[in-house]
Amino acid sequence: MNSRLKIFGLIALLGFVAGIIAQLTAVYLIPWMVSILPLLGGMTSFMISGFAGACLTVAIVGAWAYMTGKKEPY
């Protein structure tokens, strides 16, 4: 039960960090990208959000897979 609570806590912490990263992306990175790439206009926010979501998902699943993997070699 103790290890399960550690995993839940870590996933909650990773979700919290992912939310902070998403907020920083929305406030700072997206307006900067729109000013640099004006031809893309409204699509820039969707592309950046999709890329950020993909990176965060890979990081969270990678951390989960690393933590729940077998500790002993086969």
N, C-alpha and C. Protein backbone atom coordinates (compact mmCIF):
# COMPACT_ATOMS: atom_id res chain seq x y z
N MET A 1 0.83 -1.19 0.00
CA MET A 1 0.00 0.00 0.00
C MET A 1 0.87 1.26 0.00
N ASN A 2 1.99 1.21 0.68
CA ASN A 2 2.86 2.38 0.76
C ASN A 2 3.43 2.75 -0.61
N SER A 3 3.86 1.76 -1.40
CA SER A 3 4.42 2.06 -2.72
C SER A 3 3.34 2.59 -3.66
N ARG A 4 2.11 2.12 -3.50
CA ARG A 4 1.01 2.60 -4.33
C ARG A 4 0.74 4.08 -4.04
N LEU A 5 0.79 4.46 -2.77
CA LEU A 5 0.59 5.85 -2.41
C LEU A 5 1.72 6.73 -2.95
N LYS A 6 2.94 6.20 -2.97
CA LYS A 6 4.06 6.96 -3.54
C LYS A 6 3.84 7.21 -5.03
N ILE A 7 3.35 6.21 -5.74
CA ILE A 7 3.10 6.35 -7.18
C ILE A 7 1.99 7.37 -7.41
N PHE A 8 0.91 7.28 -6.64
CA PHE A 8 -0.17 8.26 -6.78
C PHE A 8 0.33 9.67 -6.49
N GLY A 9 1.14 9.81 -5.46
CA GLY A 9 1.70 11.11 -5.13
C GLY A 9 2.60 11.65 -6.23
N LEU A 10 3.43 10.78 -6.81
CA LEU A 10 4.31 11.22 -7.88
C LEU A 10 3.52 11.63 -9.11
N ILE A 11 2.49 10.86 -9.45
CA ILE A 11 1.66 11.21 -10.60
C ILE A 11 0.95 12.54 -10.35
N ALA A 12 0.48 12.76 -9.13
CA ALA A 12 -0.15 14.04 -8.79
C ALA A 12 0.86 15.17 -8.92
N LEU A 13 2.08 14.96 -8.46
CA LEU A 13 3.12 15.98 -8.57
C LEU A 13 3.46 16.26 -10.03
N LEU A 14 3.56 15.22 -10.84
CA LEU A 14 3.84 15.40 -12.26
C LEU A 14 2.69 16.16 -12.94
N GLY A 15 1.46 15.86 -12.56
CA GLY A 15 0.33 16.59 -13.11
C GLY A 15 0.35 18.05 -12.73
N PHE A 16 0.75 18.34 -11.49
CA PHE A 16 0.86 19.72 -11.04
C PHE A 16 1.92 20.47 -11.84
N VAL A 17 3.06 19.83 -12.05
CA VAL A 17 4.14 20.44 -12.83
C VAL A 17 3.69 20.62 -14.29
N ALA A 18 2.96 19.64 -14.82
CA ALA A 18 2.46 19.76 -16.19
C ALA A 18 1.51 20.94 -16.32
N GLY A 19 0.70 21.19 -15.32
CA GLY A 19 -0.19 22.34 -15.33
C GLY A 19 0.56 23.65 -15.31
N ILE A 20 1.63 23.71 -14.52
CA ILE A 20 2.46 24.92 -14.47
C ILE A 20 3.12 25.16 -15.83
N ILE A 21 3.63 24.11 -16.44
CA ILE A 21 4.26 24.24 -17.75
C ILE A 21 3.25 24.69 -18.80
N ALA A 22 2.04 24.13 -18.75
CA ALA A 22 1.00 24.53 -19.69
C ALA A 22 0.63 26.00 -19.51
N GLN A 23 0.54 26.45 -18.28
CA GLN A 23 0.21 27.86 -18.02
C GLN A 23 1.32 28.78 -18.53
N LEU A 24 2.56 28.44 -18.26
CA LEU A 24 3.68 29.25 -18.75
C LEU A 24 3.71 29.28 -20.28
N THR A 25 3.40 28.14 -20.89
CA THR A 25 3.34 28.08 -22.35
C THR A 25 2.25 29.01 -22.87
N ALA A 26 1.09 28.98 -22.24
CA ALA A 26 -0.03 29.80 -22.71
C ALA A 26 0.25 31.29 -22.52
N VAL A 27 0.93 31.65 -21.46
CA VAL A 27 1.14 33.07 -21.16
C VAL A 27 2.33 33.65 -21.93
N TYR A 28 3.41 32.91 -22.04
CA TYR A 28 4.64 33.47 -22.62
C TYR A 28 4.98 32.93 -24.00
N LEU A 29 4.94 31.63 -24.18
CA LEU A 29 5.44 31.05 -25.42
C LEU A 29 4.50 31.25 -26.60
N ILE A 30 3.20 31.07 -26.40
CA ILE A 30 2.26 31.19 -27.51
C ILE A 30 2.23 32.62 -28.07
N PRO A 31 2.13 33.67 -27.23
CA PRO A 31 2.16 35.02 -27.82
C PRO A 31 3.47 35.33 -28.55
N TRP A 32 4.58 34.80 -28.04
CA TRP A 32 5.86 35.00 -28.71
C TRP A 32 5.86 34.32 -30.08
N MET A 33 5.34 33.09 -30.14
CA MET A 33 5.29 32.37 -31.42
C MET A 33 4.35 33.04 -32.41
N VAL A 34 3.24 33.58 -31.94
CA VAL A 34 2.31 34.28 -32.83
C VAL A 34 2.98 35.53 -33.41
N SER A 35 3.79 36.22 -32.61
CA SER A 35 4.47 37.41 -33.13
C SER A 35 5.56 37.04 -34.12
N ILE A 36 6.18 35.89 -33.95
CA ILE A 36 7.25 35.45 -34.85
C ILE A 36 6.66 34.87 -36.14
N LEU A 37 5.60 34.10 -36.01
CA LEU A 37 4.99 33.44 -37.17
C LEU A 37 3.57 33.97 -37.40
N PRO A 38 3.42 35.18 -37.89
CA PRO A 38 2.07 35.74 -38.04
C PRO A 38 1.24 35.05 -39.12
N LEU A 39 1.89 34.36 -40.06
CA LEU A 39 1.14 33.69 -41.12
C LEU A 39 0.30 32.53 -40.57
N LEU A 40 0.76 31.94 -39.49
CA LEU A 40 0.00 30.82 -38.92
C LEU A 40 -1.17 31.30 -38.08
N GLY A 41 -1.10 32.52 -37.60
CA GLY A 41 -2.20 33.13 -36.87
C GLY A 41 -2.72 32.28 -35.72
N GLY A 42 -3.98 31.92 -35.76
CA GLY A 42 -4.62 31.16 -34.68
C GLY A 42 -4.16 29.73 -34.58
N MET A 43 -3.60 29.19 -35.63
CA MET A 43 -3.17 27.78 -35.59
C MET A 43 -1.94 27.58 -34.72
N THR A 44 -1.18 28.63 -34.47
CA THR A 44 0.04 28.50 -33.69
C THR A 44 -0.25 27.99 -32.29
N SER A 45 -1.31 28.50 -31.68
CA SER A 45 -1.62 28.07 -30.31
C SER A 45 -1.99 26.60 -30.27
N PHE A 46 -2.70 26.12 -31.29
CA PHE A 46 -3.08 24.71 -31.32
C PHE A 46 -1.86 23.81 -31.53
N MET A 47 -0.96 24.25 -32.40
CA MET A 47 0.23 23.43 -32.66
C MET A 47 1.13 23.37 -31.43
N ILE A 48 1.33 24.50 -30.77
CA ILE A 48 2.20 24.52 -29.60
C ILE A 48 1.56 23.74 -28.46
N SER A 49 0.25 23.90 -28.29
CA SER A 49 -0.44 23.17 -27.24
C SER A 49 -0.37 21.66 -27.49
N GLY A 50 -0.54 21.27 -28.73
CA GLY A 50 -0.45 19.85 -29.07
C GLY A 50 0.94 19.29 -28.83
N PHE A 51 1.95 20.05 -29.21
CA PHE A 51 3.33 19.62 -28.99
C PHE A 51 3.64 19.53 -27.50
N ALA A 52 3.20 20.54 -26.74
CA ALA A 52 3.44 20.52 -25.29
C ALA A 52 2.70 19.35 -24.64
N GLY A 53 1.49 19.08 -25.07
CA GLY A 53 0.72 17.95 -24.53
C GLY A 53 1.39 16.62 -24.85
N ALA A 54 1.91 16.49 -26.06
CA ALA A 54 2.59 15.26 -26.44
C ALA A 54 3.85 15.05 -25.60
N CYS A 55 4.63 16.12 -25.41
CA CYS A 55 5.85 16.01 -24.59
C CYS A 55 5.53 15.66 -23.14
N LEU A 56 4.52 16.31 -22.58
CA LEU A 56 4.15 16.04 -21.20
C LEU A 56 3.63 14.61 -21.03
N THR A 57 2.85 14.14 -22.00
CA THR A 57 2.35 12.77 -21.92
C THR A 57 3.48 11.76 -21.97
N VAL A 58 4.43 11.97 -22.85
CA VAL A 58 5.57 11.06 -22.95
C VAL A 58 6.38 11.08 -21.64
N ALA A 59 6.56 12.25 -21.06
CA ALA A 59 7.31 12.35 -19.81
C ALA A 59 6.58 11.65 -18.67
N ILE A 60 5.28 11.83 -18.57
CA ILE A 60 4.51 11.22 -17.49
C ILE A 60 4.47 9.71 -17.64
N VAL A 61 4.22 9.22 -18.85
CA VAL A 61 4.17 7.78 -19.07
C VAL A 61 5.56 7.16 -18.90
N GLY A 62 6.59 7.88 -19.32
CA GLY A 62 7.95 7.38 -19.14
C GLY A 62 8.31 7.26 -17.66
N ALA A 63 7.93 8.25 -16.88
CA ALA A 63 8.18 8.19 -15.43
C ALA A 63 7.41 7.06 -14.79
N TRP A 64 6.17 6.89 -15.20
CA TRP A 64 5.35 5.80 -14.66
C TRP A 64 5.95 4.44 -15.03
N ALA A 65 6.36 4.27 -16.28
CA ALA A 65 6.93 3.00 -16.72
C ALA A 65 8.25 2.71 -16.00
N TYR A 66 9.05 3.74 -15.77
CA TYR A 66 10.32 3.55 -15.08
C TYR A 66 10.09 3.16 -13.62
N MET A 67 9.12 3.78 -12.99
CA MET A 67 8.88 3.52 -11.57
C MET A 67 8.22 2.17 -11.32
N THR A 68 7.39 1.71 -12.24
CA THR A 68 6.66 0.46 -12.01
C THR A 68 7.34 -0.73 -12.67
N GLY A 69 8.46 -0.51 -13.34
CA GLY A 69 9.17 -1.62 -13.98
C GLY A 69 9.82 -2.54 -12.98
N LYS A 70 10.18 -3.73 -13.45
CA LYS A 70 10.84 -4.69 -12.57
C LYS A 70 12.23 -4.19 -12.21
N LYS A 71 12.61 -4.37 -10.99
CA LYS A 71 13.92 -3.90 -10.51
C LYS A 71 15.03 -4.91 -10.79
N GLU A 72 14.67 -6.17 -10.93
CA GLU A 72 15.68 -7.21 -11.15
C GLU A 72 15.75 -7.56 -12.63
N PRO A 73 16.95 -7.83 -13.12
CA PRO A 73 17.07 -8.25 -14.53
C PRO A 73 16.49 -9.64 -14.71
N TYR A 74 16.15 -9.94 -15.96
CA TYR A 74 15.55 -11.24 -16.26
C TYR A 74 16.53 -12.32 -16.10
